[in-house]
N, C-alpha and C. Protein backbone atom coordinates (compact mmCIF):
# COMPACT_ATOMS: atom_id res chain seq x y z
N MET A 1 0.84 -0.87 -0.21
CA MET A 1 0.08 -0.03 0.18
C MET A 1 0.85 1.30 -0.13
N ILE A 2 0.28 2.05 -0.72
CA ILE A 2 1.24 3.30 -1.05
C ILE A 2 0.12 4.62 -0.63
N VAL A 3 0.51 5.65 0.41
CA VAL A 3 0.01 6.76 0.66
C VAL A 3 0.67 8.11 0.36
N GLU A 4 -0.33 8.47 -0.75
CA GLU A 4 0.39 9.89 -1.64
C GLU A 4 -0.67 10.90 -0.63
N ASP A 5 0.70 12.19 -0.59
CA ASP A 5 0.59 13.56 -0.24
C ASP A 5 0.72 14.30 -1.43
N ASP A 6 -0.25 14.64 -2.10
CA ASP A 6 -0.27 15.31 -3.19
C ASP A 6 0.34 16.81 -3.10
N TYR A 7 0.83 16.79 -1.96
CA TYR A 7 0.85 18.14 -1.03
C TYR A 7 1.05 19.42 -1.87
N ASP A 8 1.65 19.80 -2.88
CA ASP A 8 2.24 20.91 -3.58
C ASP A 8 0.94 20.94 -5.12
N ALA A 9 0.34 20.07 -5.53
CA ALA A 9 -0.45 19.74 -6.86
C ALA A 9 -1.10 21.04 -7.30
N GLU A 10 -1.82 21.79 -6.73
CA GLU A 10 -2.44 22.64 -6.50
C GLU A 10 -1.55 23.72 -6.52
N PHE A 11 0.14 24.37 -6.37
CA PHE A 11 0.45 25.22 -6.87
C PHE A 11 1.88 25.02 -7.08
N ARG A 12 1.42 24.37 -8.44
CA ARG A 12 2.68 24.21 -9.60
C ARG A 12 2.99 25.34 -10.66
N TYR A 13 4.10 25.70 -10.62
CA TYR A 13 4.60 26.88 -11.16
C TYR A 13 5.45 26.54 -12.60
N ASP A 14 6.15 25.39 -12.94
CA ASP A 14 6.92 25.43 -14.17
C ASP A 14 6.07 24.16 -14.92
N ARG A 15 4.83 23.74 -14.51
CA ARG A 15 4.10 23.02 -15.47
C ARG A 15 2.63 22.51 -15.63
N GLU A 16 1.85 21.62 -16.04
CA GLU A 16 1.03 21.41 -15.13
C GLU A 16 1.50 20.37 -14.19
N PRO A 17 0.10 20.37 -12.93
CA PRO A 17 0.46 19.38 -12.34
C PRO A 17 0.92 18.12 -12.51
N ILE A 18 1.75 16.77 -11.79
CA ILE A 18 1.45 15.97 -12.59
C ILE A 18 0.22 14.98 -11.88
N GLY A 19 -0.13 13.82 -12.73
CA GLY A 19 -1.11 13.54 -12.54
C GLY A 19 -0.36 12.58 -11.04
N ALA A 20 -1.49 12.14 -10.13
CA ALA A 20 -1.31 11.23 -8.70
C ALA A 20 -1.11 9.92 -9.42
N MET A 21 -0.80 9.22 -8.57
CA MET A 21 -0.54 7.79 -9.01
C MET A 21 -1.98 6.90 -8.13
N GLN A 22 -2.83 7.36 -7.86
CA GLN A 22 -3.94 6.82 -7.29
C GLN A 22 -4.82 6.25 -8.52
N GLY A 23 -4.77 7.44 -9.60
CA GLY A 23 -5.59 7.16 -10.59
C GLY A 23 -4.33 6.40 -11.25
N LEU A 24 -3.71 5.61 -11.25
CA LEU A 24 -3.19 4.89 -11.82
C LEU A 24 -3.06 3.48 -11.12
N ALA A 25 -3.06 3.18 -9.72
CA ALA A 25 -3.36 2.00 -9.46
C ALA A 25 -4.23 2.28 -7.79
N ALA A 26 -5.57 2.69 -8.52
CA ALA A 26 -6.56 2.62 -7.36
C ALA A 26 -6.95 2.05 -5.88
N ASP A 27 -6.16 0.81 -6.10
CA ASP A 27 -6.41 -0.62 -5.36
C ASP A 27 -4.83 -0.99 -4.37
N ARG A 28 -4.25 -0.08 -4.64
CA ARG A 28 -2.97 0.06 -4.29
C ARG A 28 -2.58 1.49 -3.34
N VAL A 29 -2.94 2.14 -4.09
CA VAL A 29 -2.79 3.66 -3.35
C VAL A 29 -3.91 4.87 -2.62
N VAL A 30 -3.30 5.12 -1.30
CA VAL A 30 -4.52 5.87 -0.84
C VAL A 30 -3.91 7.53 -0.57
N TYR A 31 -5.04 8.03 -1.85
CA TYR A 31 -4.46 9.62 -1.50
C TYR A 31 -5.12 10.50 -0.26
N ALA A 32 -4.18 11.37 -0.36
CA ALA A 32 -4.43 12.25 1.05
C ALA A 32 -4.26 13.64 0.61
N GLY A 33 -5.72 14.36 0.50
CA GLY A 33 -5.42 15.94 0.48
C GLY A 33 -6.13 16.97 1.62
N THR A 34 -5.78 18.03 1.04
CA THR A 34 -6.74 18.52 2.67
C THR A 34 -6.88 20.24 2.09
N ALA A 35 -7.76 20.72 2.28
CA ALA A 35 -7.86 22.55 2.07
C ALA A 35 -7.04 23.10 3.00
N SER A 36 -5.96 22.86 3.93
CA SER A 36 -5.64 23.55 5.00
C SER A 36 -4.77 24.69 4.27
N LYS A 37 -4.13 24.34 3.35
CA LYS A 37 -3.27 24.81 2.59
C LYS A 37 -3.77 25.84 1.57
N THR A 38 -4.54 25.35 1.00
CA THR A 38 -5.48 26.28 -0.44
C THR A 38 -6.09 27.10 0.09
N LEU A 39 -7.20 26.84 1.29
CA LEU A 39 -8.35 27.60 1.44
C LEU A 39 -7.49 28.22 2.90
N ALA A 40 -7.71 28.20 3.97
CA ALA A 40 -7.52 28.41 5.28
C ALA A 40 -6.26 27.29 6.37
N PRO A 41 -5.44 27.68 6.93
CA PRO A 41 -4.59 26.70 7.85
C PRO A 41 -5.82 26.45 8.89
N GLY A 42 -6.91 27.37 9.16
CA GLY A 42 -7.89 26.82 10.23
C GLY A 42 -8.96 25.82 9.95
N PHE A 43 -9.41 25.95 8.74
CA PHE A 43 -9.68 25.00 7.88
C PHE A 43 -9.60 23.76 7.56
N ALA A 44 -9.65 22.81 9.12
CA ALA A 44 -9.18 21.42 8.92
C ALA A 44 -10.08 20.49 7.78
N ALA A 45 -10.28 20.37 6.81
CA ALA A 45 -11.00 19.44 6.19
C ALA A 45 -9.81 18.88 5.46
N GLY A 46 -9.95 17.18 5.67
CA GLY A 46 -9.08 16.79 4.47
C GLY A 46 -9.94 15.82 4.19
N TRP A 47 -9.17 14.76 3.40
CA TRP A 47 -9.87 13.54 2.43
C TRP A 47 -8.76 12.94 2.63
N LEU A 48 -9.57 10.88 2.34
CA LEU A 48 -8.51 10.17 1.79
C LEU A 48 -9.23 9.35 1.01
N VAL A 49 -8.59 9.29 -0.29
CA VAL A 49 -9.31 8.27 -1.36
C VAL A 49 -8.84 7.19 -1.16
N VAL A 50 -9.34 6.12 -0.40
CA VAL A 50 -8.88 4.86 -0.32
C VAL A 50 -9.79 3.37 -1.36
N PRO A 51 -8.77 2.22 -1.05
CA PRO A 51 -9.21 1.48 -1.90
C PRO A 51 -10.44 0.70 -1.24
N ASP A 52 -11.83 0.46 -2.22
CA ASP A 52 -12.77 -0.16 -1.56
C ASP A 52 -13.21 -0.89 -0.38
N ARG A 53 -11.52 -1.38 -0.69
CA ARG A 53 -11.42 -2.85 0.63
C ARG A 53 -11.42 -2.54 1.99
N LEU A 54 -10.56 -1.59 1.66
CA LEU A 54 -10.40 -0.41 3.62
C LEU A 54 -11.17 0.65 3.58
N LEU A 55 -12.47 0.74 3.15
CA LEU A 55 -13.20 2.11 3.20
C LEU A 55 -13.50 1.55 4.71
N ALA A 56 -14.34 0.37 4.92
CA ALA A 56 -14.71 0.39 5.91
C ALA A 56 -13.90 0.79 7.73
N GLU A 57 -12.91 -0.21 7.35
CA GLU A 57 -12.07 0.03 7.83
C GLU A 57 -11.33 1.25 8.32
N VAL A 58 -11.32 1.81 7.68
CA VAL A 58 -10.70 3.44 7.38
C VAL A 58 -12.33 4.24 7.94
N LYS A 59 -13.04 4.22 7.97
CA LYS A 59 -14.42 4.67 8.45
C LYS A 59 -14.56 4.88 10.02
N ALA A 60 -13.95 3.48 10.18
CA ALA A 60 -14.24 2.86 11.60
C ALA A 60 -12.88 3.58 12.80
N ALA A 61 -11.80 3.56 11.50
CA ALA A 61 -10.66 4.61 13.02
C ALA A 61 -11.01 5.99 12.77
N LYS A 62 -11.47 6.65 11.96
CA LYS A 62 -11.80 7.90 12.26
C LYS A 62 -12.80 8.25 13.06
N LEU A 63 -13.90 7.16 13.14
CA LEU A 63 -15.15 7.35 14.27
C LEU A 63 -14.33 7.45 15.44
N LEU A 64 -13.35 6.77 15.52
CA LEU A 64 -12.76 6.14 16.76
C LEU A 64 -12.22 7.39 17.47
N ASP A 65 -11.08 7.61 16.30
CA ASP A 65 -10.36 8.93 16.42
C ASP A 65 -10.69 10.01 16.45
N ASP A 66 -11.41 10.84 16.45
CA ASP A 66 -12.53 12.18 16.41
C ASP A 66 -13.94 12.68 16.54
N ARG A 67 -14.73 10.98 16.36
CA ARG A 67 -15.94 10.85 16.36
C ARG A 67 -16.55 11.90 15.50
N GLY A 68 -15.86 11.86 14.17
CA GLY A 68 -16.51 13.08 13.41
C GLY A 68 -16.00 13.86 13.24
N SER A 69 -16.33 15.00 12.21
CA SER A 69 -15.96 16.27 11.90
C SER A 69 -17.05 17.10 11.65
N PRO A 70 -16.92 18.28 11.49
CA PRO A 70 -18.04 19.09 11.83
C PRO A 70 -19.02 19.25 10.37
N VAL A 71 -20.30 18.62 10.34
CA VAL A 71 -20.75 18.53 9.33
C VAL A 71 -21.00 20.05 8.20
N LEU A 72 -21.39 20.90 9.02
CA LEU A 72 -21.60 22.25 8.59
C LEU A 72 -20.43 22.60 7.33
N ASP A 73 -19.52 22.29 7.91
CA ASP A 73 -17.78 22.72 7.24
C ASP A 73 -17.99 21.62 6.11
N GLN A 74 -18.24 20.58 6.10
CA GLN A 74 -17.90 19.46 5.35
C GLN A 74 -19.06 19.73 3.90
N LEU A 75 -20.29 20.14 4.05
CA LEU A 75 -21.18 20.64 3.47
C LEU A 75 -21.13 21.89 3.22
N ALA A 76 -20.34 22.38 3.40
CA ALA A 76 -19.91 24.20 2.60
C ALA A 76 -19.08 23.37 1.60
N PHE A 77 -17.99 23.18 2.49
CA PHE A 77 -17.04 22.67 1.43
C PHE A 77 -17.30 22.02 0.27
N ALA A 78 -18.08 20.87 0.19
CA ALA A 78 -18.62 20.30 -0.65
C ALA A 78 -19.41 20.72 -1.75
N ASP A 79 -20.45 21.69 -1.30
CA ASP A 79 -21.24 22.66 -2.27
C ASP A 79 -20.09 23.81 -3.13
N PHE A 80 -18.95 24.23 -2.59
CA PHE A 80 -17.89 24.92 -2.94
C PHE A 80 -17.08 23.98 -3.77
N VAL A 81 -17.08 22.79 -3.96
CA VAL A 81 -15.92 22.37 -4.83
C VAL A 81 -17.12 21.99 -5.88
N SER A 82 -18.46 21.67 -5.78
CA SER A 82 -19.29 21.05 -6.79
C SER A 82 -19.81 22.17 -7.55
N ARG A 83 -19.59 23.41 -7.20
CA ARG A 83 -19.97 24.48 -8.02
C ARG A 83 -18.47 25.25 -8.52
N GLY A 84 -17.69 24.28 -8.79
CA GLY A 84 -16.68 24.89 -9.39
C GLY A 84 -15.55 26.08 -8.76
N GLU A 85 -16.25 26.36 -7.86
CA GLU A 85 -15.57 27.44 -6.74
C GLU A 85 -14.22 27.47 -6.67
N PHE A 86 -14.31 26.04 -5.54
CA PHE A 86 -12.61 25.63 -5.52
C PHE A 86 -11.54 25.88 -6.72
N ASP A 87 -12.11 25.27 -7.75
CA ASP A 87 -11.27 25.20 -8.95
C ASP A 87 -10.95 26.79 -9.06
N ARG A 88 -12.19 27.49 -9.15
CA ARG A 88 -12.05 29.05 -9.73
C ARG A 88 -10.86 30.00 -8.75
N HIS A 89 -10.79 29.44 -7.20
CA HIS A 89 -9.96 29.70 -6.12
C HIS A 89 -8.98 29.32 -6.98
N LEU A 90 -8.68 28.20 -7.28
CA LEU A 90 -6.98 28.27 -7.48
C LEU A 90 -6.54 28.61 -8.40
N ARG A 91 -7.24 28.65 -9.66
CA ARG A 91 -6.35 29.47 -11.03
C ARG A 91 -6.45 30.65 -10.51
N ARG A 92 -7.44 31.21 -9.19
CA ARG A 92 -6.71 33.00 -9.05
C ARG A 92 -5.62 32.82 -8.49
N MET A 93 -5.72 32.35 -7.48
CA MET A 93 -4.60 31.84 -6.23
C MET A 93 -2.97 31.80 -7.40
N ARG A 94 -3.04 30.65 -8.35
CA ARG A 94 -1.79 30.08 -8.61
C ARG A 94 -0.75 31.26 -8.91
N PRO A 95 -1.53 32.44 -9.88
CA PRO A 95 -0.76 33.70 -10.28
C PRO A 95 -0.08 34.54 -9.68
N ARG A 96 -0.97 34.47 -8.34
CA ARG A 96 -0.94 35.54 -7.36
C ARG A 96 0.72 34.75 -6.26
N TYR A 97 0.45 33.39 -6.16
CA TYR A 97 1.38 33.33 -5.42
C TYR A 97 2.48 32.96 -6.05
N ARG A 98 2.55 32.51 -7.49
CA ARG A 98 3.73 32.61 -8.34
C ARG A 98 4.37 33.85 -7.93
N ARG A 99 3.78 34.97 -8.57
CA ARG A 99 4.31 36.17 -8.45
C ARG A 99 5.18 36.49 -7.00
N ARG A 100 4.52 35.72 -5.95
CA ARG A 100 5.06 36.25 -4.56
C ARG A 100 6.37 35.00 -4.15
N ARG A 101 6.21 33.84 -5.23
CA ARG A 101 7.59 32.83 -5.16
C ARG A 101 8.69 33.74 -5.95
N ASP A 102 8.26 34.38 -7.04
CA ASP A 102 9.32 35.26 -7.95
C ASP A 102 10.21 36.09 -7.02
N ALA A 103 9.27 37.15 -6.11
CA ALA A 103 9.44 37.73 -5.30
C ALA A 103 10.50 37.44 -4.65
N LEU A 104 10.66 36.21 -3.95
CA LEU A 104 11.05 36.17 -2.91
C LEU A 104 12.48 35.44 -3.67
N LEU A 105 12.29 34.63 -4.86
CA LEU A 105 14.01 34.34 -5.43
C LEU A 105 15.08 35.53 -5.88
N ASP A 106 13.86 36.00 -5.99
CA ASP A 106 14.89 37.63 -6.67
C ASP A 106 15.39 38.65 -5.33
N ALA A 107 14.68 38.24 -4.51
CA ALA A 107 15.49 39.08 -3.40
C ALA A 107 16.98 38.16 -2.62
N LEU A 108 16.28 36.84 -2.87
CA LEU A 108 17.45 35.83 -2.26
C LEU A 108 18.48 35.88 -3.08
N SER A 109 18.17 36.25 -4.41
CA SER A 109 19.21 36.15 -5.40
C SER A 109 20.01 37.45 -5.08
N ARG A 110 19.76 38.24 -4.75
CA ARG A 110 20.08 39.86 -4.60
C ARG A 110 20.83 39.94 -3.49
N ARG A 111 20.55 39.35 -2.59
CA ARG A 111 20.68 40.23 -1.09
C ARG A 111 21.57 38.79 -0.31
N LEU A 112 21.30 37.43 -0.55
CA LEU A 112 21.93 36.13 -0.40
C LEU A 112 22.15 35.14 -1.43
N PRO A 113 23.06 35.86 -2.15
CA PRO A 113 23.35 35.09 -2.82
C PRO A 113 23.94 33.38 -2.99
N GLN A 114 24.80 33.70 -1.60
CA GLN A 114 24.93 32.24 -1.33
C GLN A 114 24.07 31.17 -1.12
N LEU A 115 22.83 31.72 -0.65
CA LEU A 115 22.00 30.05 -0.35
C LEU A 115 21.69 30.27 -1.76
N GLU A 116 21.65 28.67 -1.30
CA GLU A 116 21.14 27.60 -2.61
C GLU A 116 19.38 27.17 -2.48
N PRO A 117 18.45 27.66 -3.08
CA PRO A 117 17.11 27.40 -3.40
C PRO A 117 16.95 26.01 -3.66
N ALA A 118 16.08 25.71 -3.14
CA ALA A 118 15.36 24.52 -3.59
C ALA A 118 14.20 23.90 -3.58
N GLY A 119 13.75 23.20 -4.78
CA GLY A 119 12.21 23.12 -4.02
C GLY A 119 11.13 24.18 -4.60
N ILE A 120 11.64 25.01 -5.85
CA ILE A 120 10.81 26.38 -6.09
C ILE A 120 9.95 26.30 -7.03
N SER A 121 9.59 24.56 -7.74
CA SER A 121 8.78 24.53 -9.11
C SER A 121 7.11 24.40 -8.24
N ALA A 122 7.34 24.36 -7.00
CA ALA A 122 5.98 23.82 -6.46
C ALA A 122 5.40 24.55 -5.15
N GLY A 123 4.43 24.87 -4.16
CA GLY A 123 4.19 25.13 -3.08
C GLY A 123 4.07 26.78 -2.89
N MET A 124 4.00 26.64 -1.43
CA MET A 124 4.26 28.18 -1.04
C MET A 124 5.33 28.61 -0.09
N HIS A 125 6.20 28.01 -0.11
CA HIS A 125 7.57 27.85 0.69
C HIS A 125 8.77 27.67 -0.33
N VAL A 126 9.79 27.72 0.23
CA VAL A 126 11.05 27.62 -0.78
C VAL A 126 12.14 27.64 0.44
N THR A 127 13.16 26.20 0.67
CA THR A 127 14.13 26.02 1.24
C THR A 127 15.17 26.41 0.24
N ALA A 128 16.01 26.73 1.15
CA ALA A 128 16.99 27.76 0.72
C ALA A 128 18.34 26.66 1.43
N TRP A 129 19.36 26.30 0.60
CA TRP A 129 20.60 25.64 1.70
C TRP A 129 21.63 26.84 2.07
N LEU A 130 22.47 26.77 3.52
CA LEU A 130 23.19 27.45 3.84
C LEU A 130 24.42 26.88 3.30
N PRO A 131 25.71 27.79 3.28
CA PRO A 131 26.73 27.50 2.91
C PRO A 131 27.47 26.59 4.02
N ALA A 132 28.12 25.43 3.46
CA ALA A 132 29.10 25.37 4.51
C ALA A 132 30.02 26.00 5.82
N GLY A 133 29.54 25.32 6.86
CA GLY A 133 30.26 26.43 7.75
C GLY A 133 29.06 27.30 8.84
N VAL A 134 28.34 27.37 7.98
CA VAL A 134 27.24 28.44 8.53
C VAL A 134 25.81 27.88 9.43
N SER A 135 25.45 28.49 10.63
CA SER A 135 25.13 27.99 11.56
C SER A 135 23.87 27.91 11.57
N GLU A 136 22.61 26.99 11.74
CA GLU A 136 21.45 27.19 10.79
C GLU A 136 20.66 27.78 12.35
N ALA A 137 21.19 27.82 13.65
CA ALA A 137 20.17 28.50 14.29
C ALA A 137 20.84 29.81 14.40
N ALA A 138 22.11 29.68 14.59
CA ALA A 138 22.27 31.49 14.55
C ALA A 138 21.42 32.20 13.44
N VAL A 139 21.55 31.71 12.27
CA VAL A 139 20.52 32.54 11.29
C VAL A 139 19.09 32.74 11.52
N VAL A 140 18.85 31.40 12.00
CA VAL A 140 17.56 31.69 12.58
C VAL A 140 17.06 32.99 13.63
N SER A 141 18.23 32.86 14.86
CA SER A 141 17.90 33.17 15.57
C SER A 141 18.90 34.92 15.27
N ALA A 142 19.39 35.27 14.54
CA ALA A 142 19.46 36.51 13.73
C ALA A 142 18.26 37.27 13.36
N ALA A 143 17.56 36.15 12.49
CA ALA A 143 16.29 36.93 11.67
C ALA A 143 15.17 37.31 12.32
N ALA A 144 15.42 36.08 13.82
CA ALA A 144 14.34 36.55 14.74
C ALA A 144 14.24 37.62 15.69
N ALA A 145 15.84 38.28 16.04
CA ALA A 145 15.80 39.39 16.47
C ALA A 145 15.47 40.52 15.51
N ARG A 146 15.48 40.49 14.34
CA ARG A 146 15.07 41.53 13.09
C ARG A 146 13.67 41.63 13.18
N GLY A 147 13.00 40.25 13.41
CA GLY A 147 11.38 40.58 13.40
C GLY A 147 10.95 40.06 11.99
N LEU A 148 12.07 38.64 11.50
CA LEU A 148 12.00 37.99 10.43
C LEU A 148 11.57 36.29 10.55
N GLY A 149 10.40 35.91 10.48
CA GLY A 149 10.10 34.74 10.38
C GLY A 149 10.57 33.45 10.03
N VAL A 150 12.01 33.41 10.03
CA VAL A 150 12.65 32.35 9.04
C VAL A 150 13.09 31.33 9.73
N TYR A 151 12.93 30.11 9.35
CA TYR A 151 12.78 28.62 10.24
C TYR A 151 13.63 28.16 9.59
N GLY A 152 14.33 27.10 10.26
CA GLY A 152 15.54 26.09 9.61
C GLY A 152 14.42 25.15 9.23
N VAL A 153 15.58 24.23 8.44
CA VAL A 153 14.98 22.76 8.50
C VAL A 153 15.32 21.56 9.15
N GLY A 154 16.13 21.94 10.53
CA GLY A 154 16.37 21.15 11.30
C GLY A 154 15.28 20.64 12.02
N PRO A 155 14.21 21.08 12.84
CA PRO A 155 12.98 20.29 13.20
C PRO A 155 12.53 19.63 12.52
N TYR A 156 12.28 19.46 10.92
CA TYR A 156 11.93 18.88 10.41
C TYR A 156 12.33 17.65 9.75
N ARG A 157 13.53 17.32 10.40
CA ARG A 157 14.30 15.88 9.94
C ARG A 157 14.54 15.03 10.75
N MET A 158 14.58 13.91 10.52
CA MET A 158 14.41 12.93 11.25
C MET A 158 16.24 12.48 10.99
N SER A 159 17.51 12.80 10.44
CA SER A 159 18.32 12.61 11.12
C SER A 159 19.25 13.89 10.49
N PRO A 160 20.33 13.90 10.72
CA PRO A 160 21.52 14.82 10.23
C PRO A 160 21.33 15.49 9.25
N GLY A 161 21.91 16.73 8.39
CA GLY A 161 21.68 16.94 7.09
C GLY A 161 22.23 17.95 6.85
N ARG A 162 22.12 18.63 5.95
CA ARG A 162 22.69 19.78 5.78
C ARG A 162 21.89 21.13 6.24
N PRO A 163 22.56 22.25 6.83
CA PRO A 163 21.84 23.30 7.44
C PRO A 163 20.74 23.87 5.94
N GLY A 164 19.91 24.30 6.44
CA GLY A 164 19.32 25.17 5.49
C GLY A 164 18.02 25.82 6.17
N LEU A 165 17.30 26.86 5.38
CA LEU A 165 16.07 27.71 6.05
C LEU A 165 15.05 27.35 5.25
N VAL A 166 14.00 27.87 5.71
CA VAL A 166 12.56 27.56 5.06
C VAL A 166 11.95 29.17 5.04
N PHE A 167 11.44 29.52 3.80
CA PHE A 167 10.98 31.01 3.74
C PHE A 167 9.07 30.63 3.31
N GLY A 168 8.49 30.64 4.16
CA GLY A 168 6.87 30.79 3.67
C GLY A 168 6.69 31.89 2.67
N TYR A 169 5.95 32.04 1.72
CA TYR A 169 5.44 33.37 1.05
C TYR A 169 3.92 33.59 0.91
N GLY A 170 3.40 32.26 1.64
CA GLY A 170 1.88 32.09 1.30
C GLY A 170 0.98 33.28 1.74
N ASN A 171 1.52 33.88 2.58
CA ASN A 171 0.61 35.31 3.41
C ASN A 171 1.61 36.87 3.14
N LEU A 172 2.15 36.57 2.38
CA LEU A 172 2.97 37.99 2.43
C LEU A 172 2.57 38.51 1.33
N SER A 173 2.99 39.98 1.28
CA SER A 173 2.86 40.52 -0.20
C SER A 173 4.26 40.89 -0.86
N GLU A 174 3.64 40.74 -2.35
CA GLU A 174 5.40 40.88 -2.84
C GLU A 174 6.48 42.11 -2.17
N SER A 175 5.26 43.27 -1.76
CA SER A 175 6.38 44.29 -1.17
C SER A 175 7.04 43.79 0.14
N ALA A 176 6.35 43.32 1.02
CA ALA A 176 6.61 42.78 2.24
C ALA A 176 7.79 41.76 1.82
N ILE A 177 7.82 41.09 0.81
CA ILE A 177 8.88 39.89 0.65
C ILE A 177 9.83 40.65 0.49
N ARG A 178 9.52 41.73 -0.44
CA ARG A 178 10.97 42.82 -0.85
C ARG A 178 11.89 43.12 0.43
N GLN A 179 11.05 43.74 1.07
CA GLN A 179 11.29 44.16 2.33
C GLN A 179 12.01 43.31 3.20
N ALA A 180 11.93 42.25 3.79
CA ALA A 180 12.38 41.31 4.61
C ALA A 180 13.44 41.33 3.77
């Protein structure tokens, strides 16, 4: 069984999104999705597309875990999707986030050319690798002292690795990105 979290598919900037594996092997892939990134972090609506043979077990596990989700939220989101509003929202937001990403990449290349951006083709954040010998913790601390919310990759790792920073741009204007 494969669990597929198609995390960045909605906001892909270099080409059309790649099709989900779930469509190729519906009997062996569980597809996970959420609206928290695309609509609002506080909107805790997510979904799983599971093989038919697992549906009863997944429903039972969900019921035991949280006794159900808010019905009104689910109905409102289902209506939003069925009327095509979710797709329209994504089409409106995609160029906006791309401009923000481009502003961030431009600012990083001008002000911090020693950083090595990665993961720039999709999503609402950029990871940038630090040069050898630069302390991730020291950079994060210095940024915080200046009122900047820059986060290290360290807390997200399961094992040691190259130091880096995570720059989120989803909730910032292009001018705020350039100023920061």
